[in-house]
Amino acid sequence: MGGLTAGALLARRGLRVVLLEQGDRTGGYVTSFTRGPYTFDATGAFLGGCEEGGEFHKLLAQAGALQHLRFLSIETAKNIYPDFSLDLHLSGGFEEYIRGVKELFPEERRGLEGYFALIGRIGKEINRFEGITWWQTMLFPFFFWHLIRYQRVSLGQILDRYLQGDGIKRVLSTLPAHLPPSRLSLFFTAVLITKVLSQGVWYPHGGMGTVPQALEAAFREAGGELRLKTEVERIEVQGGAVQGAHTRGGDFLRAQRVVAAINIRRALMELVPEAYRETFFKVVNGLEYSFSTCLVYLGVEMDLDRSDLPYFTYISPGDAQVEYEHLSRGEMPDDPTMIITIPTLLDSSLAPPGHHIVRIMTPASHTFRNGWGWHDRERYLIIKEEMVQRLIRTVEKRYIPGLSARIRVVEAATPCTLERYTANEGGATYGLAPTPRQFGIGRPANRTPLTGLYLAGHYTRPSHGIVGAALSGRFVADMITDEQRR
């Protein structure tokens, strides 16, 4: 998404852009696939900032992609915890969410007001930082006091400061990160709330794959050249400046600027000449990657329109710290976090009449059972099938009775699948883990020390996620445009 967004924006601004994609389609994790009459989203569950004037809406309009998309508002969602559940009404944006949380935890009202006030102040400074002027830079501590004070603070530290009960802390740390609050960046939370979720969440009609398709169409319409199944073998660098890129097929594309929207370790430690790798070794070697995901995709013939589950259901095991420790050891918890999505409740065109799509997602370690037994194909398939059946049984027993008998299509993806298709490190769901050390200025910059080499995607600034990766593309496009004007 980062490279595709940068390419579309730069092409629209009149630059000649060639986009090299190693796979057979653009978008990386953000793609859809079909099995029989069903259309599945590979990953991704919702988008923020799609409302008129929203961050993502503006970006898509700038790229020329908005005309190709239609967004459906996600009205409700559900969070399920061991001892309570929370029905979320999302059409009113984040304010509606706050009201729902206050109603469930009236005894925490005062602490919640303090917590959200802090989040709001940090969010405003983050927004202001994007357009920082030279005189604000000179007076940085005055204008960005919260960014300085809370840069290395975890969400858990702030939750403990403002709130008392474990229940409310679990609710407020239910975020797309695969991390417990003790390890999750407070800045990430502020960015997610103020830039992505503030006005509600959305789903693209036709599935998540329509988003990269729209950007690709805009890119081509602006004169961009796309080469699929074209892997870069080496980035040419002379005198500390980029000269172009060599493809594995033997072509050399001369260019003053290269945007690497790929696995950061491959970009900086494999594609650049060996003489320059020492520049990046310390940065890359110290990175912490996010956990991966195991996904089960089901096409079912059953009526789920009147089920208790909305489109999006987040199921928490209760203790995120214990789950994190299991995953860190390469284990799968007995009772893992799960996200169940039923996209056909929003868009019935994704399956035939009377049928639905159910997708089950759970955090997973790439090292589970010796790398999922990947080096032995037969063993890998056994381990994969065991996990698929385990997740299906859990969902059937607790949430969708009779599910097994109504399955018509089943597909699955493990961390090995995600790594194979996207080359993400260990199939990392979110690229870099959004810890305090790896957020804000601690995250690798979009502009590298090599003249003309830029980074986009979820390994760089501002953050992970579909919108975060797209914004990284805009950051890079703006940098290149500014340099062209000088």
Protein backbone atom coordinates (compact mmCIF):
# COMPACT_ATOMS: atom_id res chain seq x y z
CA MET A 1 0.00 0.00 0.00
CA GLY A 2 2.83 2.42 0.78
CA GLY A 3 4.58 2.06 -2.57
CA LEU A 4 1.33 2.03 -4.52
CA THR A 5 0.13 5.21 -2.81
CA ALA A 6 3.45 6.98 -3.36
CA GLY A 7 3.42 5.93 -7.01
CA ALA A 8 -0.12 7.13 -7.65
CA LEU A 9 0.52 10.51 -6.00
CA LEU A 10 3.81 11.10 -7.80
CA ALA A 11 2.37 10.09 -11.17
CA ARG A 12 -0.52 12.50 -10.62
CA ARG A 13 2.04 15.23 -9.93
CA GLY A 14 3.67 14.69 -13.29
CA LEU A 15 6.66 12.51 -12.45
CA ARG A 16 7.55 9.43 -14.46
CA VAL A 17 7.04 6.48 -12.15
CA VAL A 18 7.73 2.78 -12.71
CA LEU A 19 6.25 0.46 -10.08
CA LEU A 20 7.96 -2.92 -9.70
CA GLU A 21 5.85 -5.57 -7.96
CA GLN A 22 7.36 -8.99 -7.25
CA GLY A 23 3.93 -10.66 -7.02
CA ASP A 24 1.11 -11.05 -9.51
CA ARG A 25 -0.94 -8.23 -7.96
CA THR A 26 -0.42 -5.03 -6.00
CA GLY A 27 -1.44 -4.31 -2.41
CA GLY A 28 0.59 -6.77 -0.34
CA TYR A 29 -1.57 -7.96 2.56
CA VAL A 30 -4.43 -5.78 1.32
CA THR A 31 -5.92 -8.09 -1.26
CA SER A 32 -8.93 -10.28 -1.93
CA PHE A 33 -9.14 -13.75 -3.44
CA THR A 34 -11.93 -16.02 -4.64
CA ARG A 35 -12.72 -19.65 -3.93
CA GLY A 36 -15.73 -20.80 -5.88
CA PRO A 37 -18.52 -18.22 -5.47
CA TYR A 38 -16.93 -16.58 -2.40
CA THR A 39 -14.71 -13.48 -2.27
CA PHE A 40 -12.43 -13.38 0.79
CA ASP A 41 -10.30 -10.59 2.24
CA ALA A 42 -6.81 -11.92 2.84
CA THR A 43 -6.32 -9.58 5.80
CA GLY A 44 -7.69 -6.27 7.05
CA ALA A 45 -11.04 -5.72 8.73
CA PHE A 46 -11.83 -2.01 8.64
CA LEU A 47 -10.62 1.37 7.46
CA GLY A 48 -10.72 4.68 9.26
CA GLY A 49 -10.74 8.21 7.90
CA CYS A 50 -13.03 7.38 4.97
CA GLU A 51 -15.64 10.01 5.79
CA GLU A 52 -15.76 13.28 3.83
CA GLY A 53 -12.71 15.25 4.92
CA GLY A 54 -11.17 12.25 6.70
CA GLU A 55 -7.47 11.48 6.46
CA PHE A 56 -7.80 8.47 4.15
CA HIS A 57 -10.61 10.08 2.13
CA LYS A 58 -8.38 13.08 1.35
CA LEU A 59 -5.44 10.87 0.46
CA LEU A 60 -7.51 8.76 -1.95
CA ALA A 61 -8.89 11.91 -3.56
CA GLN A 62 -5.37 13.32 -4.02
CA ALA A 63 -4.27 10.03 -5.61
CA GLY A 64 -7.27 9.96 -7.97
CA ALA A 65 -8.52 6.68 -6.51
CA LEU A 66 -11.62 7.85 -4.64
CA GLN A 67 -13.83 7.75 -7.72
CA HIS A 68 -13.27 3.99 -7.95
CA LEU A 69 -14.39 3.21 -4.39
CA ARG A 70 -17.55 3.08 -2.31
CA PHE A 71 -17.36 2.72 1.45
CA LEU A 72 -19.90 1.09 3.75
CA SER A 73 -20.21 2.35 7.31
CA ILE A 74 -19.64 -0.24 10.02
CA GLU A 75 -22.42 0.57 12.46
CA THR A 76 -21.76 -1.94 15.24
CA ALA A 77 -19.07 -4.20 16.62
CA LYS A 78 -18.75 -6.43 19.65
CA ASN A 79 -15.97 -7.07 22.16
CA ILE A 80 -16.25 -10.25 24.24
CA TYR A 81 -14.25 -10.70 27.44
CA PRO A 82 -14.26 -13.60 29.95
CA ASP A 83 -16.68 -11.89 32.36
CA PHE A 84 -18.53 -9.29 30.25
CA SER A 85 -19.11 -8.07 26.70
CA LEU A 86 -19.37 -4.66 25.10
CA ASP A 87 -21.64 -3.81 22.17
CA LEU A 88 -20.08 -0.93 20.28
CA HIS A 89 -22.13 1.60 18.32
CA LEU A 90 -19.69 3.10 15.84
CA SER A 91 -21.80 5.27 13.56
CA GLY A 92 -21.29 8.26 15.85
CA GLY A 93 -17.51 7.97 15.67
CA PHE A 94 -15.22 7.79 18.64
CA GLU A 95 -17.44 10.02 20.79
CA GLU A 96 -20.14 7.36 20.56
CA TYR A 97 -17.60 4.74 21.60
CA ILE A 98 -16.57 6.83 24.62
CA ARG A 99 -20.19 7.18 25.72
CA GLY A 100 -20.66 3.41 25.54
CA VAL A 101 -17.56 2.77 27.64
CA LYS A 102 -18.62 5.31 30.27
CA GLU A 103 -22.04 3.68 30.54
CA LEU A 104 -20.46 0.25 31.11
CA PHE A 105 -17.97 1.60 33.66
CA PRO A 106 -19.66 4.56 35.41
CA GLU A 107 -17.28 4.30 38.37
CA GLU A 108 -14.36 5.07 36.02
CA ARG A 109 -15.95 8.17 34.47
CA ARG A 110 -13.52 10.69 35.95
CA GLY A 111 -10.47 8.65 35.02
CA LEU A 112 -11.81 8.11 31.50
CA GLU A 113 -12.22 11.84 31.00
CA GLY A 114 -8.61 12.41 32.01
CA TYR A 115 -7.37 9.58 29.82
CA PHE A 116 -9.20 10.71 26.68
CA ALA A 117 -8.22 14.33 27.28
CA LEU A 118 -4.56 13.26 27.27
CA ILE A 119 -5.06 11.19 24.12
CA GLY A 120 -6.66 14.22 22.47
CA ARG A 121 -3.79 16.54 23.38
CA ILE A 122 -1.20 14.09 22.07
CA GLY A 123 -3.22 13.63 18.88
CA LYS A 124 -3.34 17.38 18.26
CA GLU A 125 0.41 17.68 18.65
CA ILE A 126 0.96 14.75 16.28
CA ASN A 127 -1.23 16.46 13.67
CA ARG A 128 0.59 19.76 14.19
CA PHE A 129 3.97 18.04 13.90
CA GLU A 130 3.23 16.96 10.29
CA GLY A 131 3.14 20.63 9.23
CA ILE A 132 5.88 21.88 11.55
CA THR A 133 7.43 25.23 10.63
CA TRP A 134 11.01 26.35 11.17
CA TRP A 135 10.06 28.61 14.06
CA GLN A 136 8.09 25.79 15.74
CA THR A 137 11.21 23.65 15.37
CA MET A 138 13.19 26.34 17.20
CA LEU A 139 10.58 26.33 19.99
CA PHE A 140 9.91 22.58 19.89
CA PRO A 141 9.57 21.99 23.67
CA PHE A 142 6.94 24.73 23.87
CA PHE A 143 4.78 23.52 20.97
CA PHE A 144 5.27 19.76 21.43
CA TRP A 145 5.55 19.28 25.15
CA HIS A 146 3.43 16.09 25.19
CA LEU A 147 5.42 14.51 22.35
CA ILE A 148 8.59 14.96 24.37
CA ARG A 149 7.18 13.80 27.69
CA TYR A 150 5.26 10.72 26.47
CA GLN A 151 7.47 9.52 23.61
CA ARG A 152 8.70 6.39 25.44
CA VAL A 153 5.60 5.77 27.57
CA SER A 154 3.47 2.64 27.20
CA LEU A 155 -0.30 2.52 27.09
CA GLY A 156 -0.23 0.37 30.21
CA GLN A 157 1.51 3.07 32.24
CA ILE A 158 -1.19 5.61 31.39
CA LEU A 159 -4.06 3.18 31.98
CA ASP A 160 -2.64 2.46 35.43
CA ARG A 161 -2.39 6.19 36.14
CA TYR A 162 -5.99 7.04 35.29
CA LEU A 163 -8.03 3.86 35.83
CA GLN A 164 -8.60 1.28 38.53
CA GLY A 165 -10.37 -1.81 37.23
CA ASP A 166 -8.92 -4.56 35.07
CA GLY A 167 -12.07 -4.64 32.93
CA ILE A 168 -11.82 -1.07 31.69
CA LYS A 169 -8.09 -1.52 31.04
CA ARG A 170 -8.82 -4.59 28.89
CA VAL A 171 -11.39 -2.63 26.89
CA LEU A 172 -9.09 0.30 26.20
CA SER A 173 -6.21 -1.96 25.18
CA THR A 174 -8.34 -3.90 22.66
CA LEU A 175 -6.39 -2.60 19.68
CA PRO A 176 -4.90 -4.04 16.45
CA ALA A 177 -1.35 -4.54 17.67
CA HIS A 178 -0.67 -8.10 18.99
CA LEU A 179 0.85 -6.49 22.10
CA PRO A 180 -0.20 -6.19 25.75
CA PRO A 181 -0.64 -2.64 27.10
CA SER A 182 2.66 -2.89 28.98
CA ARG A 183 4.49 -3.05 25.63
CA LEU A 184 2.20 -0.95 23.43
CA SER A 185 3.13 2.63 22.54
CA LEU A 186 0.84 5.33 23.92
CA PHE A 187 1.58 7.32 20.74
CA PHE A 188 0.26 4.48 18.60
CA THR A 189 -2.99 4.58 20.55
CA ALA A 190 -3.26 8.34 20.10
CA VAL A 191 -2.61 8.12 16.35
CA LEU A 192 -5.13 5.32 15.91
CA ILE A 193 -7.86 7.16 17.80
CA THR A 194 -7.34 10.71 16.50
CA LYS A 195 -6.35 10.01 12.89
CA VAL A 196 -8.07 6.73 12.04
CA LEU A 197 -11.05 5.99 14.31
CA SER A 198 -12.27 9.46 15.28
CA GLN A 199 -15.21 9.54 12.85
CA GLY A 200 -16.13 5.88 12.62
CA VAL A 201 -14.85 2.90 10.62
CA TRP A 202 -15.65 1.66 7.14
CA TYR A 203 -15.56 -1.32 4.81
CA PRO A 204 -14.98 -1.02 1.04
CA HIS A 205 -17.79 -2.39 -1.11
CA GLY A 206 -16.47 -5.40 -3.01
CA GLY A 207 -13.88 -6.26 -0.37
CA MET A 208 -10.52 -4.97 0.81
CA GLY A 209 -8.93 -5.81 -2.52
CA THR A 210 -10.82 -2.95 -4.17
CA VAL A 211 -8.58 -0.41 -2.37
CA PRO A 212 -5.28 -1.35 -4.08
CA GLN A 213 -7.23 -1.91 -7.29
CA ALA A 214 -8.49 1.67 -7.12
CA LEU A 215 -5.01 3.03 -6.45
CA GLU A 216 -3.59 0.93 -9.26
CA ALA A 217 -6.25 2.26 -11.65
CA ALA A 218 -5.45 5.83 -10.61
CA PHE A 219 -1.74 5.15 -11.06
CA ARG A 220 -2.24 3.86 -14.60
CA GLU A 221 -4.62 6.71 -15.47
CA ALA A 222 -1.92 9.18 -14.44
CA GLY A 223 0.59 7.55 -16.79
CA GLY A 224 2.38 5.29 -14.32
CA GLU A 225 3.99 2.07 -15.55
CA LEU A 226 3.34 -1.12 -13.58
CA ARG A 227 5.45 -4.25 -13.96
CA LEU A 228 4.10 -7.29 -12.16
CA LYS A 229 6.17 -10.37 -11.30
CA THR A 230 9.28 -8.19 -11.36
CA GLU A 231 11.60 -8.59 -8.39
CA VAL A 232 14.36 -6.10 -7.64
CA GLU A 233 17.71 -7.82 -7.17
CA ARG A 234 19.90 -4.82 -6.35
CA ILE A 235 19.70 -1.07 -5.84
CA GLU A 236 22.54 0.71 -7.63
CA VAL A 237 24.33 3.24 -5.43
CA GLN A 238 27.36 5.36 -6.30
CA GLY A 239 28.95 8.02 -4.12
CA GLY A 240 26.18 7.64 -1.54
CA ALA A 241 23.44 8.39 -4.09
CA VAL A 242 20.92 6.08 -5.74
CA GLN A 243 21.40 5.49 -9.46
CA GLY A 244 18.57 3.03 -10.13
CA ALA A 245 17.52 -0.59 -9.64
CA HIS A 246 18.49 -3.93 -11.19
CA THR A 247 15.74 -6.53 -11.61
CA ARG A 248 16.17 -10.25 -11.26
CA GLY A 249 15.27 -10.49 -14.94
CA GLY A 250 18.39 -8.55 -15.91
CA ASP A 251 16.93 -5.09 -16.56
CA PHE A 252 18.42 -1.89 -15.14
CA LEU A 253 16.09 1.04 -14.54
CA ARG A 254 18.01 4.27 -14.09
CA ALA A 255 16.44 6.53 -11.48
CA GLN A 256 17.46 9.32 -9.16
CA ARG A 257 14.97 8.15 -6.55
CA VAL A 258 13.91 4.69 -5.39
CA VAL A 259 11.07 4.05 -2.93
CA ALA A 260 11.45 0.68 -1.18
CA ALA A 261 8.06 -0.41 0.14
CA ILE A 262 9.17 -3.87 1.22
CA ASN A 263 10.60 -5.76 4.17
CA ILE A 264 13.02 -3.24 5.67
CA ARG A 265 15.72 -5.82 6.35
CA ARG A 266 15.71 -6.93 2.72
CA ALA A 267 15.71 -3.34 1.47
CA LEU A 268 18.61 -2.11 3.58
CA MET A 269 20.69 -5.26 4.19
CA GLU A 270 20.29 -7.16 0.92
CA LEU A 271 19.41 -4.79 -1.93
CA VAL A 272 21.86 -1.95 -1.25
CA PRO A 273 25.54 -2.60 -2.05
CA GLU A 274 27.50 -4.25 0.74
CA ALA A 275 29.69 -1.18 1.20
CA TYR A 276 26.68 0.78 2.47
CA ARG A 277 25.05 -1.86 4.66
CA GLU A 278 27.03 -0.94 7.74
CA THR A 279 25.16 2.38 7.71
CA PHE A 280 21.94 0.52 8.41
CA PHE A 281 23.12 -2.49 10.41
CA LYS A 282 22.54 -1.04 13.87
CA VAL A 283 19.04 0.18 12.99
CA VAL A 284 17.87 -3.00 11.29
CA ASN A 285 19.50 -5.40 13.75
CA GLY A 286 17.70 -3.77 16.68
CA LEU A 287 14.20 -3.91 15.22
CA GLU A 288 11.41 -5.92 16.83
CA TYR A 289 8.87 -7.34 14.39
CA SER A 290 5.23 -7.90 15.19
CA PHE A 291 3.75 -11.36 15.64
CA SER A 292 2.04 -12.94 12.69
CA THR A 293 -1.51 -14.23 12.27
CA CYS A 294 -3.29 -17.50 11.55
CA LEU A 295 -6.44 -17.03 9.46
CA VAL A 296 -9.29 -19.36 8.56
CA TYR A 297 -11.59 -18.41 5.68
CA LEU A 298 -15.00 -20.10 5.54
CA GLY A 299 -17.75 -20.00 2.94
CA VAL A 300 -20.88 -21.21 4.72
CA GLU A 301 -24.45 -21.95 3.70
CA MET A 302 -26.38 -20.69 6.71
CA ASP A 303 -28.40 -17.71 7.89
CA LEU A 304 -26.19 -15.41 9.93
CA ASP A 305 -28.24 -12.24 9.40
CA ARG A 306 -30.03 -12.78 12.70
CA SER A 307 -27.08 -14.15 14.66
CA ASP A 308 -25.75 -12.46 17.79
CA LEU A 309 -22.54 -11.57 15.99
CA PRO A 310 -22.13 -8.31 14.04
CA TYR A 311 -19.64 -7.90 11.22
CA PHE A 312 -16.70 -7.49 13.64
CA THR A 313 -16.29 -9.39 16.91
CA TYR A 314 -13.15 -9.19 19.04
CA ILE A 315 -12.76 -12.01 21.57
CA SER A 316 -10.24 -11.46 24.34
CA PRO A 317 -8.88 -14.28 26.52
CA GLY A 318 -8.54 -11.89 29.44
CA ASP A 319 -4.83 -11.59 30.12
CA ALA A 320 -3.00 -10.09 27.14
CA GLN A 321 0.33 -10.25 28.96
CA VAL A 322 0.10 -14.04 29.43
CA GLU A 323 -0.86 -14.47 25.77
CA TYR A 324 2.09 -12.32 24.71
CA GLU A 325 4.47 -14.47 26.77
CA HIS A 326 3.09 -17.65 25.15
CA LEU A 327 3.58 -16.21 21.67
CA SER A 328 7.09 -15.00 22.55
CA ARG A 329 8.01 -18.59 23.39
CA GLY A 330 6.64 -19.81 20.06
CA GLU A 331 3.53 -21.31 21.67
CA MET A 332 -0.16 -20.97 20.85
CA PRO A 333 -2.29 -20.17 23.90
CA ASP A 334 -5.06 -22.61 24.77
CA ASP A 335 -7.60 -19.79 24.66
CA PRO A 336 -6.23 -17.21 22.20
CA THR A 337 -7.49 -13.82 21.12
CA MET A 338 -9.76 -14.20 18.10
CA ILE A 339 -11.33 -11.78 15.67
CA ILE A 340 -14.37 -13.03 13.79
CA THR A 341 -15.53 -11.05 10.78
CA ILE A 342 -18.60 -11.71 8.66
CA PRO A 343 -18.22 -9.29 5.72
CA THR A 344 -21.36 -10.53 3.97
CA LEU A 345 -23.38 -8.82 6.73
CA LEU A 346 -22.13 -5.57 5.17
CA ASP A 347 -21.77 -6.58 1.52
CA SER A 348 -23.93 -9.49 0.34
CA SER A 349 -22.27 -9.46 -3.10
CA LEU A 350 -19.29 -11.37 -1.65
CA ALA A 351 -21.23 -14.66 -1.52
CA PRO A 352 -24.29 -16.24 -3.15
CA PRO A 353 -27.79 -15.65 -1.67
CA GLY A 354 -28.25 -17.65 1.53
CA HIS A 355 -24.49 -17.92 2.04
CA HIS A 356 -22.03 -16.00 4.19
CA ILE A 357 -18.32 -15.58 4.70
CA VAL A 358 -16.79 -16.13 8.12
CA ARG A 359 -13.17 -15.29 8.74
CA ILE A 360 -11.35 -16.23 11.96
CA MET A 361 -8.09 -14.52 12.88
CA THR A 362 -5.77 -15.20 15.79
CA PRO A 363 -2.26 -13.95 16.65
CA ALA A 364 0.41 -16.53 15.91
CA SER A 365 4.15 -16.96 16.19
CA HIS A 366 6.18 -17.87 13.13
CA THR A 367 8.24 -20.20 15.34
CA PHE A 368 5.25 -22.27 16.53
CA ARG A 369 6.11 -25.99 16.44
CA ASN A 370 9.47 -25.45 14.77
CA GLY A 371 8.25 -22.98 12.17
CA TRP A 372 4.96 -24.82 11.65
CA GLY A 373 6.98 -27.76 10.40
CA TRP A 374 7.55 -25.77 7.22
CA HIS A 375 10.57 -27.73 5.99
CA ASP A 376 8.50 -30.94 5.92
CA ARG A 377 5.49 -30.34 3.64
CA GLU A 378 3.44 -33.22 5.04
CA ARG A 379 4.07 -32.17 8.64
CA TYR A 380 3.24 -28.57 7.81
CA LEU A 381 -0.14 -29.52 6.35
CA ILE A 382 -0.95 -31.62 9.43
CA ILE A 383 -0.11 -28.79 11.84
CA LYS A 384 -2.03 -26.30 9.71
CA GLU A 385 -5.13 -28.52 9.58
CA GLU A 386 -5.01 -29.13 13.34
CA MET A 387 -5.04 -25.36 13.95
CA VAL A 388 -7.86 -24.81 11.44
CA GLN A 389 -10.07 -27.43 13.09
CA ARG A 390 -9.26 -26.14 16.56
CA LEU A 391 -10.36 -22.61 15.66
CA ILE A 392 -13.51 -23.83 13.89
CA ARG A 393 -14.50 -25.98 16.88
CA THR A 394 -13.99 -23.06 19.27
CA VAL A 395 -16.14 -20.70 17.20
CA GLU A 396 -18.82 -23.35 16.71
CA LYS A 397 -19.01 -24.24 20.39
CA ARG A 398 -19.21 -20.66 21.66
CA TYR A 399 -20.56 -18.39 18.94
CA ILE A 400 -21.94 -20.05 15.77
CA PRO A 401 -23.71 -23.36 16.60
CA GLY A 402 -23.84 -25.83 13.72
CA LEU A 403 -21.01 -24.12 11.84
CA SER A 404 -19.06 -27.25 10.83
CA ALA A 405 -21.94 -28.89 9.02
CA ARG A 406 -22.65 -25.77 6.96
CA ILE A 407 -19.12 -25.11 5.66
CA ARG A 408 -18.91 -25.25 1.86
CA VAL A 409 -15.44 -23.79 1.33
CA VAL A 410 -12.50 -23.66 3.73
CA GLU A 411 -9.12 -22.03 3.21
CA ALA A 412 -6.43 -21.03 5.66
CA ALA A 413 -3.24 -18.99 5.98
CA THR A 414 -0.43 -19.45 8.49
CA PRO A 415 2.54 -17.17 9.21
CA CYS A 416 4.39 -19.18 6.57
CA THR A 417 1.68 -18.36 4.02
CA LEU A 418 1.88 -14.65 4.79
CA GLU A 419 5.66 -14.67 4.58
CA ARG A 420 5.65 -16.56 1.29
CA TYR A 421 3.20 -14.23 -0.45
CA THR A 422 4.45 -10.90 0.89
CA ALA A 423 8.06 -11.49 2.07
CA ASN A 424 7.22 -9.83 5.39
CA GLU A 425 9.65 -10.82 8.13
CA GLY A 426 8.26 -14.00 9.70
CA GLY A 427 4.86 -13.13 8.22
CA ALA A 428 4.70 -10.13 10.57
CA THR A 429 1.14 -8.85 10.55
CA TYR A 430 2.00 -5.25 11.38
CA GLY A 431 5.59 -5.00 10.20
CA LEU A 432 7.25 -3.54 13.27
CA ALA A 433 5.80 -4.12 16.72
CA PRO A 434 4.33 -0.74 17.83
CA THR A 435 6.33 -0.49 21.05
CA PRO A 436 7.28 2.90 22.56
CA ARG A 437 10.81 2.47 21.22
CA GLN A 438 9.51 1.90 17.68
CA PHE A 439 6.99 4.66 17.34
CA GLY A 440 7.29 8.34 16.53
CA ILE A 441 10.91 9.36 15.99
CA GLY A 442 12.01 5.89 17.16
CA ARG A 443 10.53 4.38 14.00
CA PRO A 444 12.79 4.19 10.91
CA ALA A 445 12.52 7.42 8.92
CA ASN A 446 11.04 7.55 5.41
CA ARG A 447 14.18 9.26 4.08
CA THR A 448 17.36 7.19 4.42
CA PRO A 449 20.99 8.42 4.65
CA LEU A 450 21.50 7.37 1.02
CA THR A 451 20.52 10.21 -1.30
CA GLY A 452 17.42 9.24 -3.28
CA LEU A 453 16.47 6.13 -1.25
CA TYR A 454 13.16 6.27 0.63
CA LEU A 455 11.13 3.80 2.69
CA ALA A 456 7.36 3.32 2.64
CA GLY A 457 5.04 0.74 4.18
CA HIS A 458 4.47 -0.59 7.67
CA TYR A 459 8.16 -0.73 8.63
CA THR A 460 8.49 3.04 8.60
CA ARG A 461 6.67 6.20 9.68
CA PRO A 462 3.97 6.95 10.63
CA SER A 463 2.56 3.54 11.65
CA HIS A 464 1.28 0.16 10.58
CA GLY A 465 -2.18 -0.69 9.27
CA ILE A 466 -3.73 0.00 5.88
CA VAL A 467 -4.14 3.72 6.48
CA GLY A 468 -0.75 3.99 8.19
CA ALA A 469 1.03 2.31 5.27
CA ALA A 470 -0.82 4.53 2.77
CA LEU A 471 0.16 7.62 4.76
CA SER A 472 3.80 6.56 4.60
CA GLY A 473 3.43 6.66 0.82
CA ARG A 474 2.08 10.18 1.02
CA PHE A 475 4.95 11.23 3.28
CA VAL A 476 7.46 9.98 0.71
CA ALA A 477 5.59 11.52 -2.22
CA ASP A 478 5.57 14.88 -0.45
CA MET A 479 9.32 14.65 0.28
CA ILE A 480 10.13 13.88 -3.36
CA THR A 481 7.79 16.61 -4.63
CA ASP A 482 9.36 19.19 -2.33
CA GLU A 483 12.83 18.22 -3.55
CA GLN A 484 11.71 18.53 -7.18
CA ARG A 485 10.60 22.10 -6.54
CA ARG A 486 13.91 23.23 -5.10
